[in-house]
């Protein structure tokens, strides 16, 4: 183990996979002896109870009456600079280019350039925000002024470089799962609350935004249940929820679909499922599929973004062209009606999640980047696959 570092982490603490990954990374780094300082507007929801070596610094927004909109970005930059100086941080690791990397750049100017910055791109900052011409220059600035930039898939690296016309080197650092948390759980005690013994369970977890194509989830499920007795569990909330509820009523599927809302113990919930449905239009990585894989649940999904880098089609699930719900349903039926094929896929899911996307491996990759930007020698090289 090399020098113990003092690392500031800024993320969206309550929303999406980026906040989950940032929080879990901080916890794992703290376990390795690094000192972690979360700088956000609220405690990250995955942080949980007290953790040794982890500290939280709340960003408070000035509501002075002349401000039409409370200036969170400026308050964040000021807090970053304050914590960096007070705690003598070695680096700031920020998740999302806008606004976090821009705030880190401002903080460096305020703090006297005494620390390095690492920016992780998760997707929305590129796939959505960078489509806005008024924001492109700001995102370019954030990337160019970072000491290192990482992205969660090769596809996101490609899209970033093409869309912004930049040649800045971007490190590939996939998302990960902690195998101490994500593994097949015994849920036999309450599975019967959702499905009969002869029924299969399909699941979809998301923020129910248009890009997730939840309507396709319903269409796939409708097609599957024509061949396989099954139930659908929908987990999460979002703007498309009422539209989906209407679609389900129109199809007469009210008794076959359960809405579970937001859930914290995701591994327990996923273990209920036989298949995870992810027919997204855009998906920079697809963290929910990785969480499902770690629990032994194959994915039926789309050939979108970084999903093909995660799901080995024909081994840990099946991927189809975006919107091809007929093909997705056929693949789902193939798996659900062939026990031997399903067993092999399930075992392959667990092995792939633990070997290529495990917490230890990705944490080591981030550490290598930290030491590199600080001009320090990394303690040990990163193995190609996870080593227990």
Protein backbone atom coordinates (compact mmCIF):
# COMPACT_ATOMS: atom_id res chain seq x y z
CA UNK A 1 0.00 0.00 0.00
CA UNK A 2 1.33 3.40 -0.94
CA UNK A 3 0.93 6.72 0.80
CA UNK A 4 -2.46 7.23 2.44
CA UNK A 5 -4.25 9.99 0.56
CA UNK A 6 -6.69 12.69 1.59
CA UNK A 7 -9.42 12.64 -1.04
CA UNK A 8 -12.43 14.90 -1.48
CA UNK A 9 -15.42 13.41 -3.32
CA UNK A 10 -18.31 15.37 -4.82
CA UNK A 11 -21.31 13.68 -6.42
CA UNK A 12 -25.07 13.90 -6.62
CA UNK A 13 -25.80 12.31 -3.23
CA UNK A 14 -29.41 11.27 -3.73
CA UNK A 15 -29.84 10.49 -7.44
CA UNK A 16 -28.80 7.81 -9.89
CA UNK A 17 -26.01 5.33 -10.34
CA UNK A 18 -23.24 7.93 -10.29
CA UNK A 19 -23.99 8.80 -6.67
CA UNK A 20 -24.10 5.12 -5.76
CA UNK A 21 -20.73 4.42 -7.40
CA UNK A 22 -19.10 7.53 -5.93
CA UNK A 23 -20.29 6.68 -2.42
CA UNK A 24 -19.30 3.02 -2.62
CA UNK A 25 -15.89 4.01 -4.00
CA UNK A 26 -15.38 6.38 -1.07
CA UNK A 27 -16.26 3.65 1.42
CA UNK A 28 -13.86 1.18 -0.21
CA UNK A 29 -11.04 3.74 -0.31
CA UNK A 30 -11.64 4.48 3.38
CA UNK A 31 -11.37 0.77 4.15
CA UNK A 32 -7.91 0.85 2.54
CA UNK A 33 -6.85 3.62 4.89
CA UNK A 34 -7.39 6.71 2.76
CA UNK A 35 -9.10 9.72 4.35
CA UNK A 36 -12.32 10.53 2.48
CA UNK A 37 -14.20 13.84 2.59
CA UNK A 38 -17.62 13.97 0.93
CA UNK A 39 -18.48 17.53 -0.12
CA UNK A 40 -22.15 17.65 -1.12
CA UNK A 41 -25.47 19.29 -0.22
CA UNK A 42 -26.64 16.24 1.77
CA UNK A 43 -25.29 12.98 3.12
CA UNK A 44 -25.04 10.41 0.29
CA UNK A 45 -27.94 7.99 0.73
CA UNK A 46 -25.69 4.94 0.36
CA UNK A 47 -23.28 6.12 3.04
CA UNK A 48 -25.32 4.65 5.89
CA UNK A 49 -23.88 4.43 9.37
CA UNK A 50 -20.58 5.74 10.74
CA UNK A 51 -17.48 4.80 8.77
CA UNK A 52 -13.89 5.17 9.90
CA UNK A 53 -11.89 7.64 7.77
CA UNK A 54 -15.02 9.19 6.20
CA UNK A 55 -16.12 12.77 6.80
CA UNK A 56 -19.05 14.78 5.45
CA UNK A 57 -18.99 18.51 4.66
CA UNK A 58 -22.38 20.04 3.87
CA UNK A 59 -22.70 22.68 1.18
CA UNK A 60 -25.05 25.40 2.39
CA UNK A 61 -26.56 27.71 -0.20
CA UNK A 62 -26.79 31.45 0.41
CA UNK A 63 -30.42 32.55 0.00
CA UNK A 64 -29.64 36.27 -0.12
CA UNK A 65 -32.72 37.95 -1.56
CA UNK A 66 -30.99 39.42 -4.64
CA UNK A 67 -30.37 35.92 -5.99
CA UNK A 68 -33.27 34.82 -8.15
CA UNK A 69 -31.89 31.28 -8.13
CA UNK A 70 -29.83 30.08 -5.11
CA UNK A 71 -26.22 29.81 -6.39
CA UNK A 72 -25.44 26.22 -5.44
CA UNK A 73 -22.49 25.95 -7.84
CA UNK A 74 -20.68 28.91 -6.29
CA UNK A 75 -21.40 27.66 -2.79
CA UNK A 76 -20.03 24.26 -3.76
CA UNK A 77 -16.83 25.73 -5.23
CA UNK A 78 -16.31 27.80 -2.11
CA UNK A 79 -16.84 24.76 0.13
CA UNK A 80 -14.46 22.67 -1.96
CA UNK A 81 -11.74 25.29 -1.58
CA UNK A 82 -12.39 25.64 2.14
CA UNK A 83 -12.22 21.87 2.78
CA UNK A 84 -9.20 21.45 0.52
CA UNK A 85 -7.23 24.05 2.47
CA UNK A 86 -8.45 23.07 5.93
CA UNK A 87 -7.99 19.31 5.46
CA UNK A 88 -4.95 19.62 3.15
CA UNK A 89 -6.54 17.41 0.51
CA UNK A 90 -4.32 15.69 -2.03
CA UNK A 91 -7.04 15.65 -4.66
CA UNK A 92 -10.70 16.15 -5.45
CA UNK A 93 -12.56 13.39 -7.28
CA UNK A 94 -15.71 14.81 -8.83
CA UNK A 95 -18.47 12.88 -10.54
CA UNK A 96 -19.99 14.71 -13.54
CA UNK A 97 -18.37 17.47 -15.55
CA UNK A 98 -21.22 19.91 -14.91
CA UNK A 99 -21.34 21.40 -12.45
CA UNK A 100 -18.86 19.50 -10.30
CA UNK A 101 -15.70 19.63 -12.43
CA UNK A 102 -16.26 23.32 -13.17
CA UNK A 103 -16.66 23.96 -9.44
CA UNK A 104 -13.45 22.03 -8.75
CA UNK A 105 -11.60 24.24 -11.26
CA UNK A 106 -12.86 27.39 -9.50
CA UNK A 107 -11.92 25.87 -6.13
CA UNK A 108 -8.37 25.27 -7.35
CA UNK A 109 -8.02 28.92 -8.26
CA UNK A 110 -9.28 29.92 -4.80
CA UNK A 111 -7.13 27.42 -2.90
CA UNK A 112 -3.92 28.20 -4.74
CA UNK A 113 -3.70 25.11 -6.94
CA UNK A 114 -2.61 22.97 -3.99
CA UNK A 115 -4.48 19.84 -5.04
CA UNK A 116 -5.26 17.78 -8.14
CA UNK A 117 -8.66 17.04 -9.67
CA UNK A 118 -10.02 13.84 -11.19
CA UNK A 119 -13.32 13.97 -13.10
CA UNK A 120 -15.46 10.92 -13.81
CA UNK A 121 -17.96 11.15 -16.66
CA UNK A 122 -21.04 9.00 -16.06
CA UNK A 123 -23.12 9.73 -19.13
CA UNK A 124 -25.75 12.43 -18.72
CA UNK A 125 -23.11 15.16 -18.73
CA UNK A 126 -22.19 14.00 -22.25
CA UNK A 127 -25.21 12.21 -23.72
CA UNK A 128 -27.66 14.95 -22.70
CA UNK A 129 -25.92 18.15 -21.53
CA UNK A 130 -23.21 18.15 -24.19
CA UNK A 131 -25.92 18.08 -26.85
CA UNK A 132 -26.74 21.65 -25.77
CA UNK A 133 -24.53 24.04 -27.75
CA UNK A 134 -24.70 26.59 -24.94
CA UNK A 135 -23.00 24.12 -22.54
CA UNK A 136 -20.40 22.51 -24.81
CA UNK A 137 -17.65 25.05 -24.14
CA UNK A 138 -18.22 24.78 -20.40
CA UNK A 139 -17.93 20.99 -20.52
CA UNK A 140 -14.77 21.25 -22.63
CA UNK A 141 -13.31 23.63 -20.04
CA UNK A 142 -14.18 21.23 -17.21
CA UNK A 143 -12.48 18.34 -19.00
CA UNK A 144 -9.39 20.28 -20.12
CA UNK A 145 -8.82 21.70 -16.63
CA UNK A 146 -9.04 18.31 -14.90
CA UNK A 147 -5.77 16.56 -14.09
CA UNK A 148 -7.33 13.25 -15.13
CA UNK A 149 -10.63 12.29 -16.71
CA UNK A 150 -12.28 8.88 -16.49
CA UNK A 151 -15.42 7.44 -18.08
CA UNK A 152 -17.49 4.39 -17.25
CA UNK A 153 -17.45 2.77 -20.72
CA UNK A 154 -15.51 2.80 -23.99
CA UNK A 155 -18.66 3.96 -25.74
CA UNK A 156 -18.86 7.01 -23.48
CA UNK A 157 -15.18 7.81 -24.17
CA UNK A 158 -15.87 7.62 -27.91
CA UNK A 159 -18.96 9.79 -27.68
CA UNK A 160 -17.21 12.37 -25.49
CA UNK A 161 -14.27 12.76 -27.86
CA UNK A 162 -16.46 12.89 -30.97
CA UNK A 163 -19.15 15.18 -29.60
CA UNK A 164 -16.76 17.67 -28.04
CA UNK A 165 -14.02 17.28 -30.68
CA UNK A 166 -11.32 16.77 -28.08
CA UNK A 167 -8.30 14.49 -27.91
CA UNK A 168 -7.80 14.58 -24.14
CA UNK A 169 -6.84 11.09 -22.88
CA UNK A 170 -9.71 9.53 -20.92
CA UNK A 171 -9.17 6.55 -18.63
CA UNK A 172 -11.66 3.68 -18.79
CA UNK A 173 -12.91 2.85 -15.29
CA UNK A 174 -16.00 0.69 -15.31
CA UNK A 175 -18.62 0.81 -12.60
CA UNK A 176 -18.41 -1.97 -10.04
CA UNK A 177 -20.26 -3.95 -7.39
CA UNK A 178 -19.23 -4.97 -3.89
CA UNK A 179 -19.61 -8.74 -3.84
CA UNK A 180 -20.14 -8.62 -0.08
CA UNK A 181 -23.44 -6.88 -0.82
CA UNK A 182 -24.45 -8.12 -4.27
CA UNK A 183 -24.87 -11.89 -4.37
CA UNK A 184 -27.85 -14.22 -4.84
CA UNK A 185 -30.04 -13.86 -1.74
CA UNK A 186 -32.47 -16.43 -0.39
CA UNK A 187 -35.81 -14.70 -0.94
CA UNK A 188 -38.03 -17.77 -0.86
CA UNK A 189 -39.80 -16.47 2.25
CA UNK A 190 -41.46 -13.57 0.44
CA UNK A 191 -41.25 -14.41 -3.28
CA UNK A 192 -44.75 -15.89 -3.03
CA UNK A 193 -46.09 -12.40 -2.25
CA UNK A 194 -45.50 -11.45 -5.88
CA UNK A 195 -45.72 -14.63 -7.93
CA UNK A 196 -47.07 -18.14 -7.76
CA UNK A 197 -44.68 -21.09 -7.67
CA UNK A 198 -45.10 -21.78 -11.39
CA UNK A 199 -44.63 -18.13 -12.41
CA UNK A 200 -41.45 -16.31 -13.41
CA UNK A 201 -40.59 -12.77 -12.31
CA UNK A 202 -39.35 -10.10 -14.72
CA UNK A 203 -38.01 -6.85 -13.28
CA UNK A 204 -37.17 -3.33 -14.36
CA UNK A 205 -35.38 -0.77 -12.17
CA UNK A 206 -34.91 2.84 -13.28
CA UNK A 207 -35.75 6.51 -12.81
CA UNK A 208 -38.66 6.08 -15.26
CA UNK A 209 -37.47 8.66 -17.74
CA UNK A 210 -38.21 8.48 -21.50
CA UNK A 211 -34.66 7.33 -22.29
CA UNK A 212 -35.33 4.10 -20.33
CA UNK A 213 -38.16 3.13 -22.74
CA UNK A 214 -40.30 1.67 -19.97
CA UNK A 215 -43.13 1.29 -22.47
CA UNK A 216 -40.93 -1.33 -24.16
CA UNK A 217 -40.61 -3.10 -20.80
CA UNK A 218 -44.39 -3.44 -20.68
CA UNK A 219 -44.54 -4.64 -24.29
CA UNK A 220 -41.84 -7.27 -23.69
CA UNK A 221 -43.64 -8.48 -20.58
CA UNK A 222 -46.97 -8.70 -22.41
CA UNK A 223 -45.36 -10.83 -25.12
CA UNK A 224 -43.52 -13.05 -22.63
CA UNK A 225 -46.59 -13.87 -20.54
CA UNK A 226 -48.36 -15.16 -23.66
CA UNK A 227 -45.88 -18.07 -23.46
CA UNK A 228 -44.68 -18.13 -19.85
CA UNK A 229 -46.76 -17.51 -16.70
CA UNK A 230 -45.06 -14.49 -15.19
CA UNK A 231 -45.26 -11.30 -13.16
CA UNK A 232 -43.50 -7.94 -13.62
CA UNK A 233 -41.95 -5.94 -10.79
CA UNK A 234 -41.25 -2.25 -11.45
CA UNK A 235 -38.82 -0.58 -9.05
CA UNK A 236 -38.22 3.18 -8.85
CA UNK A 237 -40.09 6.38 -9.60
CA UNK A 238 -40.00 9.09 -12.24
CA UNK A 239 -41.90 11.21 -14.78
CA UNK A 240 -43.05 8.30 -16.99
CA UNK A 241 -44.69 6.42 -14.11
CA UNK A 242 -48.26 7.66 -14.62
CA UNK A 243 -48.02 7.00 -18.37
CA UNK A 244 -46.86 3.45 -17.67
CA UNK A 245 -49.69 2.89 -15.20
CA UNK A 246 -52.16 3.98 -17.90
CA UNK A 247 -50.55 1.60 -20.42
CA UNK A 248 -50.83 -1.29 -17.96
CA UNK A 249 -54.52 -0.57 -17.35
CA UNK A 250 -55.20 -0.36 -21.10
CA UNK A 251 -53.63 -3.81 -21.56
CA UNK A 252 -55.51 -5.29 -18.60
CA UNK A 253 -52.29 -6.21 -16.79
CA UNK A 254 -53.07 -4.59 -13.44
CA UNK A 255 -53.02 -7.91 -11.58
CA UNK A 256 -49.72 -8.98 -13.12
CA UNK A 257 -47.60 -5.89 -12.45
CA UNK A 258 -46.37 -4.78 -9.02
CA UNK A 259 -44.99 -1.28 -8.34
CA UNK A 260 -42.37 -1.42 -5.59
CA UNK A 261 -41.33 2.25 -5.62
CA UNK A 262 -37.83 3.19 -4.53
CA UNK A 263 -35.94 0.47 -2.66
CA UNK A 264 -32.72 0.68 -0.66
CA UNK A 265 -31.83 -3.01 -0.33
CA UNK A 266 -31.49 -3.47 -4.07
CA UNK A 267 -29.67 -6.81 -3.87
CA UNK A 268 -32.56 -8.32 -1.93
CA UNK A 269 -35.10 -7.00 -4.43
CA UNK A 270 -33.12 -8.11 -7.50
CA UNK A 271 -32.81 -11.61 -6.08
CA UNK A 272 -36.58 -11.96 -6.57
CA UNK A 273 -36.16 -11.69 -10.33
CA UNK A 274 -35.56 -14.29 -13.01
CA UNK A 275 -34.73 -11.66 -15.63
CA UNK A 276 -33.77 -7.97 -15.63
CA UNK A 277 -35.22 -5.87 -18.47
CA UNK A 278 -33.13 -2.94 -19.74
CA UNK A 279 -34.36 -1.79 -23.18
CA UNK A 280 -32.87 1.72 -22.86
CA UNK A 281 -32.39 4.09 -25.76
CA UNK A 282 -29.19 5.44 -24.18
CA UNK A 283 -27.18 3.85 -21.40
CA UNK A 284 -23.57 4.79 -20.75
CA UNK A 285 -23.04 1.69 -18.61
CA UNK A 286 -26.18 0.12 -17.09
CA UNK A 287 -25.36 -0.27 -13.40
CA UNK A 288 -28.62 -2.07 -12.65
CA UNK A 289 -27.62 -4.85 -15.07
CA UNK A 290 -24.33 -5.27 -13.27
CA UNK A 291 -26.12 -5.45 -9.93
CA UNK A 292 -28.44 -8.07 -11.45
CA UNK A 293 -25.52 -10.05 -12.86
CA UNK A 294 -23.87 -10.16 -9.45
CA UNK A 295 -27.10 -11.66 -8.08
CA UNK A 296 -27.16 -14.28 -10.84
CA UNK A 297 -29.95 -12.60 -12.86
CA UNK A 298 -29.46 -12.37 -16.67
CA UNK A 299 -30.38 -9.22 -18.59
CA UNK A 300 -32.65 -8.85 -21.60
CA UNK A 301 -31.64 -5.48 -23.00
CA UNK A 302 -30.81 -3.25 -25.94
CA UNK A 303 -27.68 -2.69 -27.98
CA UNK A 304 -27.31 0.81 -26.58
CA UNK A 305 -24.24 2.69 -25.38
CA UNK A 306 -22.08 0.75 -22.95
CA UNK A 307 -24.51 -2.13 -22.34
CA UNK A 308 -22.69 -4.47 -24.78
CA UNK A 309 -19.48 -3.91 -22.81
CA UNK A 310 -21.24 -5.11 -19.69
CA UNK A 311 -23.66 -7.80 -20.86
CA UNK A 312 -22.02 -10.59 -22.87
CA UNK A 313 -24.89 -11.33 -25.26
CA UNK A 314 -25.44 -15.07 -25.51
CA UNK A 315 -23.61 -15.68 -22.22
CA UNK A 316 -24.99 -13.43 -19.47
CA UNK A 317 -28.13 -12.27 -21.27
CA UNK A 318 -29.37 -11.27 -24.70
CA UNK A 319 -29.21 -7.88 -26.42
CA UNK A 320 -31.43 -6.72 -29.27
CA UNK A 321 -31.69 -3.58 -31.42
CA UNK A 322 -33.32 -0.64 -29.62
CA UNK A 323 -37.09 -0.96 -29.78
CA UNK A 324 -37.13 -4.57 -31.03
CA UNK A 325 -39.42 -5.84 -28.28
CA UNK A 326 -40.39 -8.93 -30.27
CA UNK A 327 -36.78 -10.14 -30.33
CA UNK A 328 -36.32 -9.26 -26.65
CA UNK A 329 -39.42 -11.26 -25.75
CA UNK A 330 -38.25 -14.26 -27.83
CA UNK A 331 -34.91 -14.23 -26.04
CA UNK A 332 -36.61 -13.95 -22.66
CA UNK A 333 -38.84 -16.94 -23.43
CA UNK A 334 -35.79 -18.96 -24.58
CA UNK A 335 -34.12 -18.43 -21.23
CA UNK A 336 -37.19 -18.90 -19.07
CA UNK A 337 -38.19 -22.18 -20.75
CA UNK A 338 -34.74 -23.79 -20.82
CA UNK A 339 -33.58 -24.56 -17.24
CA UNK A 340 -30.12 -25.77 -18.28
CA UNK A 341 -29.46 -22.68 -20.42
CA UNK A 342 -30.72 -20.45 -17.61
CA UNK A 343 -28.43 -22.14 -15.07
CA UNK A 344 -25.38 -21.58 -17.30
CA UNK A 345 -26.30 -17.94 -17.89
CA UNK A 346 -26.85 -17.35 -14.18
CA UNK A 347 -23.49 -18.85 -13.26
CA UNK A 348 -21.77 -16.85 -16.01
CA UNK A 349 -23.41 -13.67 -14.67
CA UNK A 350 -21.96 -14.15 -11.20
CA UNK A 351 -18.51 -15.02 -12.53
CA UNK A 352 -18.37 -12.03 -14.91
CA UNK A 353 -19.52 -9.58 -12.24
CA UNK A 354 -17.01 -10.84 -9.70
CA UNK A 355 -14.05 -11.11 -12.06
CA UNK A 356 -14.27 -8.06 -14.32
CA UNK A 357 -16.43 -5.60 -12.41
CA UNK A 358 -15.55 -6.30 -8.79
CA UNK A 359 -14.95 -3.59 -6.22
CA UNK A 360 -11.32 -4.47 -5.53
CA UNK A 361 -10.27 -4.28 -9.17
CA UNK A 362 -11.92 -0.94 -9.97
CA UNK A 363 -10.82 0.65 -6.68
CA UNK A 364 -7.25 -0.30 -7.57
CA UNK A 365 -7.67 1.30 -11.00
CA UNK A 366 -8.81 4.56 -9.42
CA UNK A 367 -5.88 4.46 -6.99
CA UNK A 368 -3.46 4.11 -9.90
CA UNK A 369 -4.94 7.25 -11.45
CA UNK A 370 -4.69 9.16 -8.15
CA UNK A 371 -1.02 8.28 -7.70
CA UNK A 372 -0.30 9.13 -11.33
CA UNK A 373 -1.75 12.65 -11.17
CA UNK A 374 0.07 13.23 -7.88
CA UNK A 375 3.37 12.14 -9.42
CA UNK A 376 3.71 9.21 -7.03
CA UNK A 377 4.69 5.66 -7.79
CA UNK A 378 1.73 3.27 -7.60
CA UNK A 379 2.23 0.49 -5.05
CA UNK A 380 1.27 -2.48 -7.24
CA UNK A 381 0.05 -2.97 -10.84
CA UNK A 382 -3.66 -3.59 -11.41
CA UNK A 383 -4.47 -7.22 -12.36
CA UNK A 384 -6.51 -7.95 -15.48
CA UNK A 385 -9.25 -9.62 -13.44
CA UNK A 386 -10.21 -9.52 -9.79
CA UNK A 387 -8.01 -11.49 -7.44
CA UNK A 388 -9.53 -12.64 -4.18
